[in-house]
Amino acid sequence: MIKVTALYRWREDATFNHDYYHGEHMRIARSALQPLGLVRLESDRVLYPGEPRPGQVVALTNAFFSDLKQAQIAAKQTAAALMADIPNYTNIEPESYFAQMLAHEVTA
């Protein structure tokens, strides 16, 4: 399983519309990625006891695919459309990476 993560780090003068991101942007992402092998899509709103400080992650998305080739093709084919939507919810440039998911069993 391959996980593609996009995360947003807070900075001075940053703005972030969580309602739009977790609603409309996730709808757009799901619509674009599902035909290309998307298995699961998650979005997180990271919580802090106060206002976020520069460098702290305020939101992230994980998109899961069966294999690396599918993930790479999906990222390449949808990057322009997903990046074009970013100004609708933030002025932060996302960081992204691909990761191979490794399972570790938990026993009681």
PDB file of N, CA and C in Angstrom:
ATOM      1  N   MET A   1       0.863  -1.175   0.000  1.00  0.00           N
ATOM      2  CA  MET A   1       0.000   0.000   0.000  1.00  0.00           C
ATOM      3  C   MET A   1       0.906   1.233   0.000  1.00  0.00           C
ATOM      4  N   ILE A   2       0.571   2.194  -0.828  1.00  0.00           N
ATOM      5  CA  ILE A   2       1.317   3.451  -0.925  1.00  0.00           C
ATOM      6  C   ILE A   2       0.437   4.585  -0.417  1.00  0.00           C
ATOM      7  N   LYS A   3       1.048   5.440   0.408  1.00  0.00           N
ATOM      8  CA  LYS A   3       0.351   6.610   0.945  1.00  0.00           C
ATOM      9  C   LYS A   3       1.008   7.856   0.361  1.00  0.00           C
ATOM     10  N   VAL A   4       0.189   8.718  -0.220  1.00  0.00           N
ATOM     11  CA  VAL A   4       0.663  10.008  -0.714  1.00  0.00           C
ATOM     12  C   VAL A   4       0.150  11.053   0.267  1.00  0.00           C
ATOM     13  N   THR A   5       1.078  11.798   0.859  1.00  0.00           N
ATOM     14  CA  THR A   5       0.718  12.791   1.869  1.00  0.00           C
ATOM     15  C   THR A   5       1.012  14.191   1.355  1.00  0.00           C
ATOM     16  N   ALA A   6       0.085  15.100   1.584  1.00  0.00           N
ATOM     17  CA  ALA A   6       0.297  16.528   1.354  1.00  0.00           C
ATOM     18  C   ALA A   6       0.045  17.203   2.689  1.00  0.00           C
ATOM     19  N   LEU A   7       1.004  18.022   3.143  1.00  0.00           N
ATOM     20  CA  LEU A   7       0.829  18.685   4.436  1.00  0.00           C
ATOM     21  C   LEU A   7       1.102  20.172   4.316  1.00  0.00           C
ATOM     22  N   TYR A   8       0.521  20.910   5.242  1.00  0.00           N
ATOM     23  CA  TYR A   8       0.580  22.368   5.239  1.00  0.00           C
ATOM     24  C   TYR A   8       1.171  22.849   6.557  1.00  0.00           C
ATOM     25  N   ARG A   9       2.320  23.544   6.489  1.00  0.00           N
ATOM     26  CA  ARG A   9       2.982  24.088   7.681  1.00  0.00           C
ATOM     27  C   ARG A   9       2.625  25.564   7.835  1.00  0.00           C
ATOM     28  N   TRP A  10       2.227  25.919   9.035  1.00  0.00           N
ATOM     29  CA  TRP A  10       1.846  27.294   9.338  1.00  0.00           C
ATOM     30  C   TRP A  10       3.047  28.215   9.197  1.00  0.00           C
ATOM     31  N   ARG A  11       2.790  29.440   8.823  1.00  0.00           N
ATOM     32  CA  ARG A  11       3.817  30.487   8.781  1.00  0.00           C
ATOM     33  C   ARG A  11       3.152  31.804   9.132  1.00  0.00           C
ATOM     34  N   GLU A  12       3.957  32.780   9.458  1.00  0.00           N
ATOM     35  CA  GLU A  12       3.422  34.119   9.720  1.00  0.00           C
ATOM     36  C   GLU A  12       2.672  34.547   8.460  1.00  0.00           C
ATOM     37  N   ASP A  13       1.572  35.223   8.608  1.00  0.00           N
ATOM     38  CA  ASP A  13       0.706  35.739   7.536  1.00  0.00           C
ATOM     39  C   ASP A  13      -0.059  34.653   6.781  1.00  0.00           C
ATOM     40  N   ALA A  14      -0.059  33.422   7.282  1.00  0.00           N
ATOM     41  CA  ALA A  14      -0.775  32.340   6.602  1.00  0.00           C
ATOM     42  C   ALA A  14      -2.278  32.431   6.838  1.00  0.00           C
ATOM     43  N   THR A  15      -3.020  31.906   5.880  1.00  0.00           N
ATOM     44  CA  THR A  15      -4.469  31.747   6.030  1.00  0.00           C
ATOM     45  C   THR A  15      -4.806  30.311   5.649  1.00  0.00           C
ATOM     46  N   PHE A  16      -5.844  29.765   6.277  1.00  0.00           N
ATOM     47  CA  PHE A  16      -6.265  28.403   5.948  1.00  0.00           C
ATOM     48  C   PHE A  16      -7.742  28.260   6.260  1.00  0.00           C
ATOM     49  N   ASN A  17      -8.541  27.931   5.244  1.00  0.00           N
ATOM     50  CA  ASN A  17      -9.977  27.733   5.403  1.00  0.00           C
ATOM     51  C   ASN A  17     -10.241  26.227   5.516  1.00  0.00           C
ATOM     52  N   HIS A  18     -10.317  25.748   6.766  1.00  0.00           N
ATOM     53  CA  HIS A  18     -10.502  24.317   7.006  1.00  0.00           C
ATOM     54  C   HIS A  18     -11.833  23.803   6.457  1.00  0.00           C
ATOM     55  N   ASP A  19     -12.881  24.591   6.539  1.00  0.00           N
ATOM     56  CA  ASP A  19     -14.180  24.132   6.036  1.00  0.00           C
ATOM     57  C   ASP A  19     -14.102  23.812   4.543  1.00  0.00           C
ATOM     58  N   TYR A  20     -13.491  24.712   3.779  1.00  0.00           N
ATOM     59  CA  TYR A  20     -13.360  24.482   2.339  1.00  0.00           C
ATOM     60  C   TYR A  20     -12.453  23.278   2.074  1.00  0.00           C
ATOM     61  N   TYR A  21     -11.321  23.230   2.755  1.00  0.00           N
ATOM     62  CA  TYR A  21     -10.342  22.160   2.528  1.00  0.00           C
ATOM     63  C   TYR A  21     -10.933  20.778   2.797  1.00  0.00           C
ATOM     64  N   HIS A  22     -11.545  20.612   3.956  1.00  0.00           N
ATOM     65  CA  HIS A  22     -12.061  19.301   4.345  1.00  0.00           C
ATOM     66  C   HIS A  22     -13.384  18.960   3.645  1.00  0.00           C
ATOM     67  N   GLY A  23     -14.009  19.950   3.050  1.00  0.00           N
ATOM     68  CA  GLY A  23     -15.256  19.725   2.323  1.00  0.00           C
ATOM     69  C   GLY A  23     -15.032  19.702   0.821  1.00  0.00           C
ATOM     70  N   GLU A  24     -14.994  20.872   0.215  1.00  0.00           N
ATOM     71  CA  GLU A  24     -14.932  20.989  -1.244  1.00  0.00           C
ATOM     72  C   GLU A  24     -13.633  20.438  -1.842  1.00  0.00           C
ATOM     73  N   HIS A  25     -12.491  20.779  -1.250  1.00  0.00           N
ATOM     74  CA  HIS A  25     -11.233  20.293  -1.836  1.00  0.00           C
ATOM     75  C   HIS A  25     -11.142  18.767  -1.776  1.00  0.00           C
ATOM     76  N   MET A  26     -11.612  18.173  -0.683  1.00  0.00           N
ATOM     77  CA  MET A  26     -11.594  16.706  -0.589  1.00  0.00           C
ATOM     78  C   MET A  26     -12.555  16.083  -1.603  1.00  0.00           C
ATOM     79  N   ARG A  27     -13.664  16.758  -1.879  1.00  0.00           N
ATOM     80  CA  ARG A  27     -14.594  16.274  -2.907  1.00  0.00           C
ATOM     81  C   ARG A  27     -13.909  16.284  -4.275  1.00  0.00           C
ATOM     82  N   ILE A  28     -13.204  17.378  -4.565  1.00  0.00           N
ATOM     83  CA  ILE A  28     -12.479  17.500  -5.834  1.00  0.00           C
ATOM     84  C   ILE A  28     -11.395  16.428  -5.928  1.00  0.00           C
ATOM     85  N   ALA A  29     -10.640  16.250  -4.854  1.00  0.00           N
ATOM     86  CA  ALA A  29      -9.560  15.255  -4.843  1.00  0.00           C
ATOM     87  C   ALA A  29     -10.113  13.844  -5.034  1.00  0.00           C
ATOM     88  N   ARG A  30     -11.151  13.517  -4.306  1.00  0.00           N
ATOM     89  CA  ARG A  30     -11.759  12.179  -4.412  1.00  0.00           C
ATOM     90  C   ARG A  30     -12.250  11.934  -5.836  1.00  0.00           C
ATOM     91  N   SER A  31     -12.919  12.917  -6.408  1.00  0.00           N
ATOM     92  CA  SER A  31     -13.452  12.809  -7.772  1.00  0.00           C
ATOM     93  C   SER A  31     -12.334  12.592  -8.794  1.00  0.00           C
ATOM     94  N   ALA A  32     -11.232  13.302  -8.620  1.00  0.00           N
ATOM     95  CA  ALA A  32     -10.116  13.202  -9.564  1.00  0.00           C
ATOM     96  C   ALA A  32      -9.320  11.913  -9.385  1.00  0.00           C
ATOM     97  N   LEU A  33      -9.116  11.496  -8.144  1.00  0.00           N
ATOM     98  CA  LEU A  33      -8.230  10.364  -7.858  1.00  0.00           C
ATOM     99  C   LEU A  33      -8.903   8.995  -7.914  1.00  0.00           C
ATOM    100  N   GLN A  34     -10.192   8.944  -7.625  1.00  0.00           N
ATOM    101  CA  GLN A  34     -10.881   7.647  -7.557  1.00  0.00           C
ATOM    102  C   GLN A  34     -10.774   6.841  -8.860  1.00  0.00           C
ATOM    103  N   PRO A  35     -10.975   7.452 -10.020  1.00  0.00           N
ATOM    104  CA  PRO A  35     -10.853   6.667 -11.260  1.00  0.00           C
ATOM    105  C   PRO A  35      -9.421   6.190 -11.532  1.00  0.00           C
ATOM    106  N   LEU A  36      -8.457   6.745 -10.795  1.00  0.00           N
ATOM    107  CA  LEU A  36      -7.046   6.408 -11.014  1.00  0.00           C
ATOM    108  C   LEU A  36      -6.507   5.454  -9.948  1.00  0.00           C
ATOM    109  N   GLY A  37      -7.401   4.830  -9.187  1.00  0.00           N
ATOM    110  CA  GLY A  37      -6.974   3.808  -8.241  1.00  0.00           C
ATOM    111  C   GLY A  37      -6.982   4.193  -6.781  1.00  0.00           C
ATOM    112  N   LEU A  38      -7.542   5.346  -6.441  1.00  0.00           N
ATOM    113  CA  LEU A  38      -7.616   5.743  -5.032  1.00  0.00           C
ATOM    114  C   LEU A  38      -8.354   4.674  -4.230  1.00  0.00           C
ATOM    115  N   VAL A  39      -7.744   4.241  -3.125  1.00  0.00           N
ATOM    116  CA  VAL A  39      -8.347   3.238  -2.250  1.00  0.00           C
ATOM    117  C   VAL A  39      -9.008   3.901  -1.047  1.00  0.00           C
ATOM    118  N   ARG A  40      -8.366   4.941  -0.530  1.00  0.00           N
ATOM    119  CA  ARG A  40      -8.869   5.627   0.668  1.00  0.00           C
ATOM    120  C   ARG A  40      -8.333   7.049   0.669  1.00  0.00           C
ATOM    121  N   LEU A  41      -9.124   7.987   1.203  1.00  0.00           N
ATOM    122  CA  LEU A  41      -8.721   9.387   1.302  1.00  0.00           C
ATOM    123  C   LEU A  41      -9.045   9.880   2.699  1.00  0.00           C
ATOM    124  N   GLU A  42      -8.050  10.478   3.356  1.00  0.00           N
ATOM    125  CA  GLU A  42      -8.237  11.023   4.704  1.00  0.00           C
ATOM    126  C   GLU A  42      -7.744  12.462   4.731  1.00  0.00           C
ATOM    127  N   SER A  43      -8.371  13.290   5.547  1.00  0.00           N
ATOM    128  CA  SER A  43      -7.849  14.638   5.780  1.00  0.00           C
ATOM    129  C   SER A  43      -7.876  14.901   7.280  1.00  0.00           C
ATOM    130  N   ASP A  44      -6.825  15.559   7.762  1.00  0.00           N
ATOM    131  CA  ASP A  44      -6.690  15.866   9.190  1.00  0.00           C
ATOM    132  C   ASP A  44      -6.628  17.369   9.408  1.00  0.00           C
ATOM    133  N   ARG A  45      -7.321  17.839  10.422  1.00  0.00           N
ATOM    134  CA  ARG A  45      -7.148  19.192  10.932  1.00  0.00           C
ATOM    135  C   ARG A  45      -6.358  19.020  12.220  1.00  0.00           C
ATOM    136  N   VAL A  46      -5.119  19.488  12.225  1.00  0.00           N
ATOM    137  CA  VAL A  46      -4.245  19.300  13.375  1.00  0.00           C
ATOM    138  C   VAL A  46      -4.607  20.336  14.436  1.00  0.00           C
ATOM    139  N   LEU A  47      -4.756  19.863  15.667  1.00  0.00           N
ATOM    140  CA  LEU A  47      -5.193  20.712  16.775  1.00  0.00           C
ATOM    141  C   LEU A  47      -4.038  21.019  17.721  1.00  0.00           C
ATOM    142  N   TYR A  48      -3.978  22.253  18.184  1.00  0.00           N
ATOM    143  CA  TYR A  48      -2.981  22.700  19.153  1.00  0.00           C
ATOM    144  C   TYR A  48      -3.716  23.389  20.289  1.00  0.00           C
ATOM    145  N   PRO A  49      -3.082  23.484  21.476  1.00  0.00           N
ATOM    146  CA  PRO A  49      -3.758  24.136  22.599  1.00  0.00           C
ATOM    147  C   PRO A  49      -4.010  25.627  22.362  1.00  0.00           C
ATOM    148  N   GLY A  50      -3.237  26.243  21.509  1.00  0.00           N
ATOM    149  CA  GLY A  50      -3.419  27.656  21.174  1.00  0.00           C
ATOM    150  C   GLY A  50      -3.318  27.821  19.670  1.00  0.00           C
ATOM    151  N   GLU A  51      -2.970  29.013  19.251  1.00  0.00           N
ATOM    152  CA  GLU A  51      -2.772  29.272  17.821  1.00  0.00           C
ATOM    153  C   GLU A  51      -1.540  28.510  17.333  1.00  0.00           C
ATOM    154  N   PRO A  52      -1.556  28.035  16.087  1.00  0.00           N
ATOM    155  CA  PRO A  52      -0.369  27.341  15.578  1.00  0.00           C
ATOM    156  C   PRO A  52       0.818  28.298  15.475  1.00  0.00           C
ATOM    157  N   ARG A  53       1.998  27.742  15.666  1.00  0.00           N
ATOM    158  CA  ARG A  53       3.235  28.510  15.530  1.00  0.00           C
ATOM    159  C   ARG A  53       3.863  28.206  14.172  1.00  0.00           C
ATOM    160  N   PRO A  54       4.682  29.110  13.659  1.00  0.00           N
ATOM    161  CA  PRO A  54       5.341  28.854  12.378  1.00  0.00           C
ATOM    162  C   PRO A  54       6.059  27.499  12.384  1.00  0.00           C
ATOM    163  N   GLY A  55       5.867  26.756  11.301  1.00  0.00           N
ATOM    164  CA  GLY A  55       6.481  25.444  11.157  1.00  0.00           C
ATOM    165  C   GLY A  55       5.588  24.292  11.574  1.00  0.00           C
ATOM    166  N   GLN A  56       4.569  24.579  12.389  1.00  0.00           N
ATOM    167  CA  GLN A  56       3.671  23.505  12.812  1.00  0.00           C
ATOM    168  C   GLN A  56       2.711  23.144  11.678  1.00  0.00           C
ATOM    169  N   VAL A  57       2.446  21.853  11.545  1.00  0.00           N
ATOM    170  CA  VAL A  57       1.507  21.370  10.529  1.00  0.00           C
ATOM    171  C   VAL A  57       0.088  21.690  10.996  1.00  0.00           C
ATOM    172  N   VAL A  58      -0.717  22.302  10.126  1.00  0.00           N
ATOM    173  CA  VAL A  58      -2.100  22.644  10.487  1.00  0.00           C
ATOM    174  C   VAL A  58      -3.125  21.758   9.791  1.00  0.00           C
ATOM    175  N   ALA A  59      -2.728  21.113   8.696  1.00  0.00           N
ATOM    176  CA  ALA A  59      -3.646  20.219   7.979  1.00  0.00           C
ATOM    177  C   ALA A  59      -2.829  19.290   7.098  1.00  0.00           C
ATOM    178  N   LEU A  60      -3.421  18.128   6.827  1.00  0.00           N
ATOM    179  CA  LEU A  60      -2.776  17.202   5.906  1.00  0.00           C
ATOM    180  C   LEU A  60      -3.801  16.270   5.298  1.00  0.00           C
ATOM    181  N   THR A  61      -3.414  15.703   4.175  1.00  0.00           N
ATOM    182  CA  THR A  61      -4.234  14.720   3.473  1.00  0.00           C
ATOM    183  C   THR A  61      -3.388  13.493   3.205  1.00  0.00           C
ATOM    184  N   ASN A  62      -3.994  12.327   3.360  1.00  0.00           N
ATOM    185  CA  ASN A  62      -3.373  11.062   2.977  1.00  0.00           C
ATOM    186  C   ASN A  62      -4.263  10.404   1.933  1.00  0.00           C
ATOM    187  N   ALA A  63      -3.673  10.091   0.788  1.00  0.00           N
ATOM    188  CA  ALA A  63      -4.373   9.370  -0.275  1.00  0.00           C
ATOM    189  C   ALA A  63      -3.673   8.024  -0.437  1.00  0.00           C
ATOM    190  N   PHE A  64      -4.435   6.952  -0.385  1.00  0.00           N
ATOM    191  CA  PHE A  64      -3.879   5.603  -0.412  1.00  0.00           C
ATOM    192  C   PHE A  64      -4.136   4.925  -1.758  1.00  0.00           C
ATOM    193  N   PHE A  65      -3.095   4.250  -2.259  1.00  0.00           N
ATOM    194  CA  PHE A  65      -3.151   3.525  -3.527  1.00  0.00           C
ATOM    195  C   PHE A  65      -2.550   2.137  -3.337  1.00  0.00           C
ATOM    196  N   SER A  66      -2.920   1.202  -4.197  1.00  0.00           N
ATOM    197  CA  SER A  66      -2.432  -0.175  -4.090  1.00  0.00           C
ATOM    198  C   SER A  66      -0.939  -0.302  -4.353  1.00  0.00           C
ATOM    199  N   ASP A  67      -0.421   0.495  -5.294  1.00  0.00           N
ATOM    200  CA  ASP A  67       1.010   0.377  -5.598  1.00  0.00           C
ATOM    201  C   ASP A  67       1.584   1.723  -6.023  1.00  0.00           C
ATOM    202  N   LEU A  68       2.910   1.779  -6.065  1.00  0.00           N
ATOM    203  CA  LEU A  68       3.611   3.025  -6.361  1.00  0.00           C
ATOM    204  C   LEU A  68       3.296   3.539  -7.760  1.00  0.00           C
ATOM    205  N   LYS A  69       3.245   2.661  -8.733  1.00  0.00           N
ATOM    206  CA  LYS A  69       2.973   3.098 -10.112  1.00  0.00           C
ATOM    207  C   LYS A  69       1.618   3.800 -10.204  1.00  0.00           C
ATOM    208  N   GLN A  70       0.587   3.217  -9.586  1.00  0.00           N
ATOM    209  CA  GLN A  70      -0.750   3.852  -9.573  1.00  0.00           C
ATOM    210  C   GLN A  70      -0.678   5.229  -8.928  1.00  0.00           C
ATOM    211  N   ALA A  71       0.009   5.324  -7.791  1.00  0.00           N
ATOM    212  CA  ALA A  71       0.111   6.596  -7.068  1.00  0.00           C
ATOM    213  C   ALA A  71       0.826   7.647  -7.906  1.00  0.00           C
ATOM    214  N   GLN A  72       1.901   7.251  -8.568  1.00  0.00           N
ATOM    215  CA  GLN A  72       2.655   8.192  -9.396  1.00  0.00           C
ATOM    216  C   GLN A  72       1.833   8.674 -10.585  1.00  0.00           C
ATOM    217  N   ILE A  73       1.131   7.768 -11.229  1.00  0.00           N
ATOM    218  CA  ILE A  73       0.279   8.146 -12.367  1.00  0.00           C
ATOM    219  C   ILE A  73      -0.830   9.087 -11.902  1.00  0.00           C
ATOM    220  N   ALA A  74      -1.468   8.755 -10.783  1.00  0.00           N
ATOM    221  CA  ALA A  74      -2.551   9.598 -10.254  1.00  0.00           C
ATOM    222  C   ALA A  74      -2.031  10.985  -9.903  1.00  0.00           C
ATOM    223  N   ALA A  75      -0.876  11.048  -9.252  1.00  0.00           N
ATOM    224  CA  ALA A  75      -0.307  12.345  -8.872  1.00  0.00           C
ATOM    225  C   ALA A  75       0.006  13.178 -10.113  1.00  0.00           C
ATOM    226  N   LYS A  76       0.604  12.557 -11.095  1.00  0.00           N
ATOM    227  CA  LYS A  76       0.970  13.279 -12.318  1.00  0.00           C
ATOM    228  C   LYS A  76      -0.264  13.796 -13.056  1.00  0.00           C
ATOM    229  N   GLN A  77      -1.293  12.960 -13.163  1.00  0.00           N
ATOM    230  CA  GLN A  77      -2.480  13.340 -13.936  1.00  0.00           C
ATOM    231  C   GLN A  77      -3.377  14.349 -13.220  1.00  0.00           C
ATOM    232  N   THR A  78      -3.314  14.422 -11.898  1.00  0.00           N
ATOM    233  CA  THR A  78      -4.228  15.306 -11.162  1.00  0.00           C
ATOM    234  C   THR A  78      -3.549  16.515 -10.528  1.00  0.00           C
ATOM    235  N   ALA A  79      -2.229  16.574 -10.569  1.00  0.00           N
ATOM    236  CA  ALA A  79      -1.499  17.646  -9.881  1.00  0.00           C
ATOM    237  C   ALA A  79      -1.979  19.042 -10.280  1.00  0.00           C
ATOM    238  N   ALA A  80      -2.110  19.304 -11.552  1.00  0.00           N
ATOM    239  CA  ALA A  80      -2.487  20.650 -12.005  1.00  0.00           C
ATOM    240  C   ALA A  80      -3.850  21.064 -11.465  1.00  0.00           C
ATOM    241  N   ALA A  81      -4.831  20.180 -11.543  1.00  0.00           N
ATOM    242  CA  ALA A  81      -6.183  20.514 -11.068  1.00  0.00           C
ATOM    243  C   ALA A  81      -6.208  20.707  -9.555  1.00  0.00           C
ATOM    244  N   LEU A  82      -5.520  19.839  -8.823  1.00  0.00           N
ATOM    245  CA  LEU A  82      -5.528  19.962  -7.359  1.00  0.00           C
ATOM    246  C   LEU A  82      -4.760  21.200  -6.912  1.00  0.00           C
ATOM    247  N   MET A  83      -3.632  21.486  -7.549  1.00  0.00           N
ATOM    248  CA  MET A  83      -2.854  22.680  -7.197  1.00  0.00           C
ATOM    249  C   MET A  83      -3.623  23.960  -7.543  1.00  0.00           C
ATOM    250  N   ALA A  84      -4.394  23.939  -8.607  1.00  0.00           N
ATOM    251  CA  ALA A  84      -5.166  25.124  -9.005  1.00  0.00           C
ATOM    252  C   ALA A  84      -6.220  25.486  -7.971  1.00  0.00           C
ATOM    253  N   ASP A  85      -6.656  24.523  -7.170  1.00  0.00           N
ATOM    254  CA  ASP A  85      -7.678  24.780  -6.153  1.00  0.00           C
ATOM    255  C   ASP A  85      -7.096  25.341  -4.857  1.00  0.00           C
ATOM    256  N   ILE A  86      -5.797  25.239  -4.654  1.00  0.00           N
ATOM    257  CA  ILE A  86      -5.175  25.656  -3.390  1.00  0.00           C
ATOM    258  C   ILE A  86      -5.502  27.097  -2.999  1.00  0.00           C
ATOM    259  N   PRO A  87      -5.439  28.078  -3.902  1.00  0.00           N
ATOM    260  CA  PRO A  87      -5.747  29.456  -3.494  1.00  0.00           C
ATOM    261  C   PRO A  87      -7.163  29.639  -2.935  1.00  0.00           C
ATOM    262  N   ASN A  88      -8.051  28.682  -3.163  1.00  0.00           N
ATOM    263  CA  ASN A  88      -9.403  28.771  -2.607  1.00  0.00           C
ATOM    264  C   ASN A  88      -9.448  28.504  -1.105  1.00  0.00           C
ATOM    265  N   TYR A  89      -8.390  27.934  -0.540  1.00  0.00           N
ATOM    266  CA  TYR A  89      -8.418  27.659   0.901  1.00  0.00           C
ATOM    267  C   TYR A  89      -7.164  28.070   1.665  1.00  0.00           C
ATOM    268  N   THR A  90      -6.051  28.355   0.978  1.00  0.00           N
ATOM    269  CA  THR A  90      -4.853  28.745   1.722  1.00  0.00           C
ATOM    270  C   THR A  90      -3.855  29.483   0.849  1.00  0.00           C
ATOM    271  N   ASN A  91      -2.919  30.157   1.521  1.00  0.00           N
ATOM    272  CA  ASN A  91      -1.781  30.761   0.833  1.00  0.00           C
ATOM    273  C   ASN A  91      -0.487  30.027   1.214  1.00  0.00           C
ATOM    274  N   ILE A  92      -0.623  28.822   1.762  1.00  0.00           N
ATOM    275  CA  ILE A  92       0.518  27.983   2.142  1.00  0.00           C
ATOM    276  C   ILE A  92       0.789  26.987   1.012  1.00  0.00           C
ATOM    277  N   GLU A  93       2.050  26.853   0.621  1.00  0.00           N
ATOM    278  CA  GLU A  93       2.407  25.852  -0.389  1.00  0.00           C
ATOM    279  C   GLU A  93       2.549  24.496   0.296  1.00  0.00           C
ATOM    280  N   PRO A  94       1.866  23.473  -0.195  1.00  0.00           N
ATOM    281  CA  PRO A  94       1.947  22.167   0.468  1.00  0.00           C
ATOM    282  C   PRO A  94       3.285  21.466   0.223  1.00  0.00           C
ATOM    283  N   GLU A  95       3.646  20.632   1.190  1.00  0.00           N
ATOM    284  CA  GLU A  95       4.772  19.704   1.032  1.00  0.00           C
ATOM    285  C   GLU A  95       4.139  18.346   0.771  1.00  0.00           C
ATOM    286  N   SER A  96       4.758  17.541  -0.067  1.00  0.00           N
ATOM    287  CA  SER A  96       4.172  16.222  -0.317  1.00  0.00           C
ATOM    288  C   SER A  96       5.257  15.164  -0.420  1.00  0.00           C
ATOM    289  N   TYR A  97       4.853  13.926  -0.147  1.00  0.00           N
ATOM    290  CA  TYR A  97       5.764  12.792  -0.271  1.00  0.00           C
ATOM    291  C   TYR A  97       4.971  11.507  -0.448  1.00  0.00           C
ATOM    292  N   PHE A  98       5.654  10.486  -0.947  1.00  0.00           N
ATOM    293  CA  PHE A  98       5.100   9.143  -1.111  1.00  0.00           C
ATOM    294  C   PHE A  98       5.737   8.263  -0.036  1.00  0.00           C
ATOM    295  N   ALA A  99       4.956   7.351   0.534  1.00  0.00           N
ATOM    296  CA  ALA A  99       5.490   6.430   1.543  1.00  0.00           C
ATOM    297  C   ALA A  99       4.908   5.038   1.336  1.00  0.00           C
ATOM    298  N   GLN A 100       5.736   4.039   1.585  1.00  0.00           N
ATOM    299  CA  GLN A 100       5.252   2.658   1.562  1.00  0.00           C
ATOM    300  C   GLN A 100       4.735   2.340   2.950  1.00  0.00           C
ATOM    301  N   MET A 101       3.506   1.847   3.020  1.00  0.00           N
ATOM    302  CA  MET A 101       2.895   1.501   4.304  1.00  0.00           C
ATOM    303  C   MET A 101       3.383   0.123   4.732  1.00  0.00           C
ATOM    304  N   LEU A 102       3.853   0.031   5.975  1.00  0.00           N
ATOM    305  CA  LEU A 102       4.318  -1.230   6.542  1.00  0.00           C
ATOM    306  C   LEU A 102       3.460  -1.539   7.755  1.00  0.00           C
ATOM    307  N   ALA A 103       2.921  -2.738   7.812  1.00  0.00           N
ATOM    308  CA  ALA A 103       2.032  -3.118   8.920  1.00  0.00           C
ATOM    309  C   ALA A 103       2.839  -3.766  10.043  1.00  0.00           C
ATOM    310  N   HIS A 104       2.477  -3.439  11.271  1.00  0.00           N
ATOM    311  CA  HIS A 104       3.089  -4.024  12.460  1.00  0.00           C
ATOM    312  C   HIS A 104       1.958  -4.494  13.350  1.00  0.00           C
ATOM    313  N   GLU A 105       1.900  -5.795  13.571  1.00  0.00           N
ATOM    314  CA  GLU A 105       0.802  -6.351  14.360  1.00  0.00           C
ATOM    315  C   GLU A 105       0.924  -5.983  15.827  1.00  0.00           C
ATOM    316  N   VAL A 106      -0.213  -5.726  16.429  1.00  0.00           N
ATOM    317  CA  VAL A 106      -0.273  -5.436  17.858  1.00  0.00           C
ATOM    318  C   VAL A 106      -0.896  -6.645  18.536  1.00  0.00           C
ATOM    319  N   THR A 107      -0.230  -7.143  19.541  1.00  0.00           N
ATOM    320  CA  THR A 107      -0.780  -8.278  20.288  1.00  0.00           C
ATOM    321  C   THR A 107      -1.018  -7.865  21.726  1.00  0.00           C
ATOM    322  N   ALA A 108      -1.986  -8.481  22.336  1.00  0.00           N
ATOM    323  CA  ALA A 108      -2.334  -8.135  23.717  1.00  0.00           C
ATOM    324  C   ALA A 108      -1.429  -8.834  24.697  1.00  0.00           C
TER     325      ALA A 108
END
